[in-house]
Structures are given as structure tokens and as C-alpha cells.
Amino acid sequence: MAGEIVAAIQNHFLTQGHNKNQGNGISESVVLVPTQQVLGSNLSWGKELTFHDGNTDQGQAFGIAGAGIKVEQLPDVEYRWMMDKRDEWDVFFKIIVTLVDGRQFIVFQDAQPREINGGNPKGPPDGAIRLRNPL
């Protein structure tokens, strides 16, 4: 299984409380840490959307097949995020990779919800998660 190429990385947001409100976007990036190469990014994604309590909403799928990232390199890849403003959004992150052969794997999943408050002391507005090799 070694040497398989990652085609896409996508976060799934499982809202547990305090909707992500319309007008508040999340900026995301996927970065190869050793070189700081940005594999994919967006600004204020989902700003026009409300993510409701109890729902699962998908973030942007970053197509990265052209970067040639092998599955065993995933521990060197970070998913980074930053909220536009305070929202008190309680959410689980579940990050899924798709390989070029179409197989999908969870490479990160929160055990407890994050309280993303955009600057409120209860929770940071941003962060970074190192991915894992699922094979």
C-alpha cells in the first residue's frame, strides 16, 4: 500500500451546539509542514451558510493529487483553520482523505467537541491538526 497518492482532503463539521452562524466564515488550508507548501486553501468558506446543531456539513474538498503527496507523508500534513469572528460554535472535526483509487479514510476525528469562539477565552478562533497515516 505504500506510495499511494492522496487525491483530496476534506473536513466534515459535526455541529453539537451553537450553530455556525451565517456571516461567519472559516478559512482553511492544507499545508505540507516541512516545506510550508500550501496544498490548498480558501478564505471565509461557508460564510453564507448556517451549520445547524445536530447536522454534519462538509468543508471544501481540496484536490491535491497534482502535488503527489503519498499516504505515508500524511503525518507531515496539517489542516489549519481560522474563524472570521466570534460565534461560540461547538463542533467535532472529522478529516477524511480520498486516495486516487477512490478509497476514503478518516485521518483525524475529535473525541470531544471544539468550542470555537473566535477570540473568546473559552476557545481559540484558529488551530492546526496534524493528519495521520491511515494504512
Protein backbone atom coordinates (compact mmCIF):
# COMPACT_ATOMS: atom_id res chain seq x y z
CA MET A 1 0.00 0.00 0.00
CA ALA A 2 2.99 2.33 0.31
CA GLY A 3 3.32 5.05 -2.27
CA GLU A 4 -0.40 5.60 -2.85
CA ILE A 5 -1.22 9.20 -3.77
CA VAL A 6 -3.71 11.35 -1.85
CA ALA A 7 -6.29 12.86 -4.20
CA ALA A 8 -8.27 15.02 -1.75
CA ILE A 9 -8.53 16.18 1.86
CA GLN A 10 -11.83 17.37 3.36
CA ASN A 11 -13.07 18.30 6.82
CA HIS A 12 -16.56 17.31 7.93
CA PHE A 13 -18.08 19.56 10.60
CA LEU A 14 -20.40 17.82 13.10
CA THR A 15 -22.14 20.71 14.91
CA GLN A 16 -23.06 19.94 18.51
CA GLY A 17 -24.24 23.29 19.78
CA HIS A 18 -24.35 26.98 19.00
CA ASN A 19 -24.84 26.93 15.22
CA LYS A 20 -22.09 28.27 12.98
CA ASN A 21 -23.95 31.38 12.01
CA GLN A 22 -24.48 32.85 8.59
CA GLY A 23 -21.98 35.66 8.06
CA ASN A 24 -19.15 33.82 9.81
CA GLY A 25 -16.75 32.01 7.51
CA ILE A 26 -13.96 29.57 8.19
CA SER A 27 -10.66 29.95 6.38
CA GLU A 28 -8.96 26.60 5.80
CA SER A 29 -5.61 25.48 4.47
CA VAL A 30 -3.79 22.21 3.97
CA VAL A 31 -0.02 22.57 4.37
CA LEU A 32 2.96 20.26 3.87
CA VAL A 33 4.79 21.28 7.05
CA PRO A 34 8.45 20.51 6.23
CA THR A 35 8.38 22.85 3.20
CA GLN A 36 5.40 25.04 4.24
CA GLN A 37 3.92 24.30 0.79
CA VAL A 38 0.22 25.22 0.76
CA LEU A 39 -1.56 22.33 -0.95
CA GLY A 40 -4.97 24.00 -0.85
CA SER A 41 -6.68 26.91 0.86
CA ASN A 42 -9.75 29.12 0.98
CA LEU A 43 -10.87 32.31 2.70
CA SER A 44 -14.10 32.69 4.67
CA TRP A 45 -15.54 29.45 3.29
CA GLY A 46 -19.22 28.83 4.10
CA LYS A 47 -19.80 32.43 5.13
CA GLU A 48 -23.26 32.40 3.53
CA LEU A 49 -24.21 29.14 5.30
CA THR A 50 -25.57 28.25 8.73
CA PHE A 51 -24.33 24.94 10.16
CA HIS A 52 -27.18 23.79 12.41
CA ASP A 53 -26.98 21.87 15.68
CA GLY A 54 -27.01 18.11 15.09
CA ASN A 55 -26.01 18.37 11.42
CA THR A 56 -22.90 17.30 9.57
CA ASP A 57 -21.67 19.77 6.95
CA GLN A 58 -18.75 19.27 4.59
CA GLY A 59 -15.93 21.74 4.24
CA GLN A 60 -14.23 22.37 0.93
CA ALA A 61 -12.61 19.32 -0.66
CA PHE A 62 -9.04 20.22 -1.52
CA GLY A 63 -7.95 18.31 -4.62
CA ILE A 64 -4.24 17.71 -4.11
CA ALA A 65 -3.46 14.78 -6.44
CA GLY A 66 -1.19 17.01 -8.53
CA ALA A 67 1.08 17.60 -5.52
CA GLY A 68 1.98 13.90 -5.44
CA ILE A 69 1.58 13.56 -1.66
CA LYS A 70 1.90 9.90 -0.69
CA VAL A 71 -0.26 8.45 2.06
CA GLU A 72 2.82 7.83 4.23
CA GLN A 73 3.54 11.60 4.10
CA LEU A 74 0.23 12.47 5.80
CA PRO A 75 1.84 12.88 9.25
CA ASP A 76 3.74 15.82 7.67
CA VAL A 77 0.48 17.47 6.55
CA GLU A 78 -1.51 19.92 8.66
CA TYR A 79 -5.11 21.05 8.32
CA ARG A 80 -5.29 24.67 9.54
CA TRP A 81 -8.35 26.79 10.20
CA MET A 82 -9.34 30.27 11.35
CA MET A 83 -12.82 31.63 12.05
CA ASP A 84 -13.76 35.11 10.84
CA LYS A 85 -15.41 36.20 14.11
CA ARG A 86 -16.86 35.11 17.45
CA ASP A 87 -19.56 32.52 17.07
CA GLU A 88 -19.42 30.09 20.02
CA TRP A 89 -19.63 27.18 17.57
CA ASP A 90 -19.37 23.75 19.24
CA VAL A 91 -18.19 21.28 16.63
CA PHE A 92 -16.43 17.97 16.07
CA PHE A 93 -13.90 17.88 13.21
CA LYS A 94 -13.60 14.72 11.13
CA ILE A 95 -10.99 14.92 8.38
CA ILE A 96 -11.22 12.44 5.51
CA VAL A 97 -8.72 11.76 2.75
CA THR A 98 -9.55 10.22 -0.60
CA LEU A 99 -6.83 8.29 -2.41
CA VAL A 100 -6.51 8.34 -6.20
CA ASP A 101 -8.11 4.87 -6.33
CA GLY A 102 -11.23 6.30 -4.62
CA ARG A 103 -10.78 4.74 -1.18
CA GLN A 104 -11.51 7.04 1.72
CA PHE A 105 -10.01 7.08 5.21
CA ILE A 106 -10.54 9.11 8.37
CA VAL A 107 -7.19 10.71 9.25
CA PHE A 108 -8.41 12.76 12.21
CA GLN A 109 -11.52 12.75 14.37
CA ASP A 110 -12.21 14.76 17.53
CA ALA A 111 -13.12 12.83 20.67
CA GLN A 112 -14.77 15.93 22.18
CA PRO A 113 -16.36 18.96 20.54
CA ARG A 114 -14.26 22.05 19.99
CA GLU A 115 -15.67 25.33 21.24
CA ILE A 116 -14.54 27.73 18.54
CA ASN A 117 -15.24 31.22 19.77
CA GLY A 118 -13.22 33.48 17.52
CA GLY A 119 -11.21 35.16 20.23
CA ASN A 120 -13.35 34.39 23.25
CA PRO A 121 -11.18 32.91 26.04
CA LYS A 122 -13.38 29.78 26.08
CA GLY A 123 -11.82 28.52 22.85
CA PRO A 124 -9.37 29.61 20.19
CA PRO A 125 -10.52 31.01 16.84
CA ASP A 126 -7.91 29.02 14.96
CA GLY A 127 -5.71 25.98 15.10
CA ALA A 128 -3.83 23.25 13.29
CA ILE A 129 -4.19 19.48 13.19
CA ARG A 130 -1.53 17.02 12.03
CA LEU A 131 -3.01 14.20 9.99
CA ARG A 132 -2.19 10.51 10.42
CA ASN A 133 -1.31 7.71 8.04
CA PRO A 134 -4.46 5.55 7.87
CA LEU A 135 -2.76 2.50 6.37
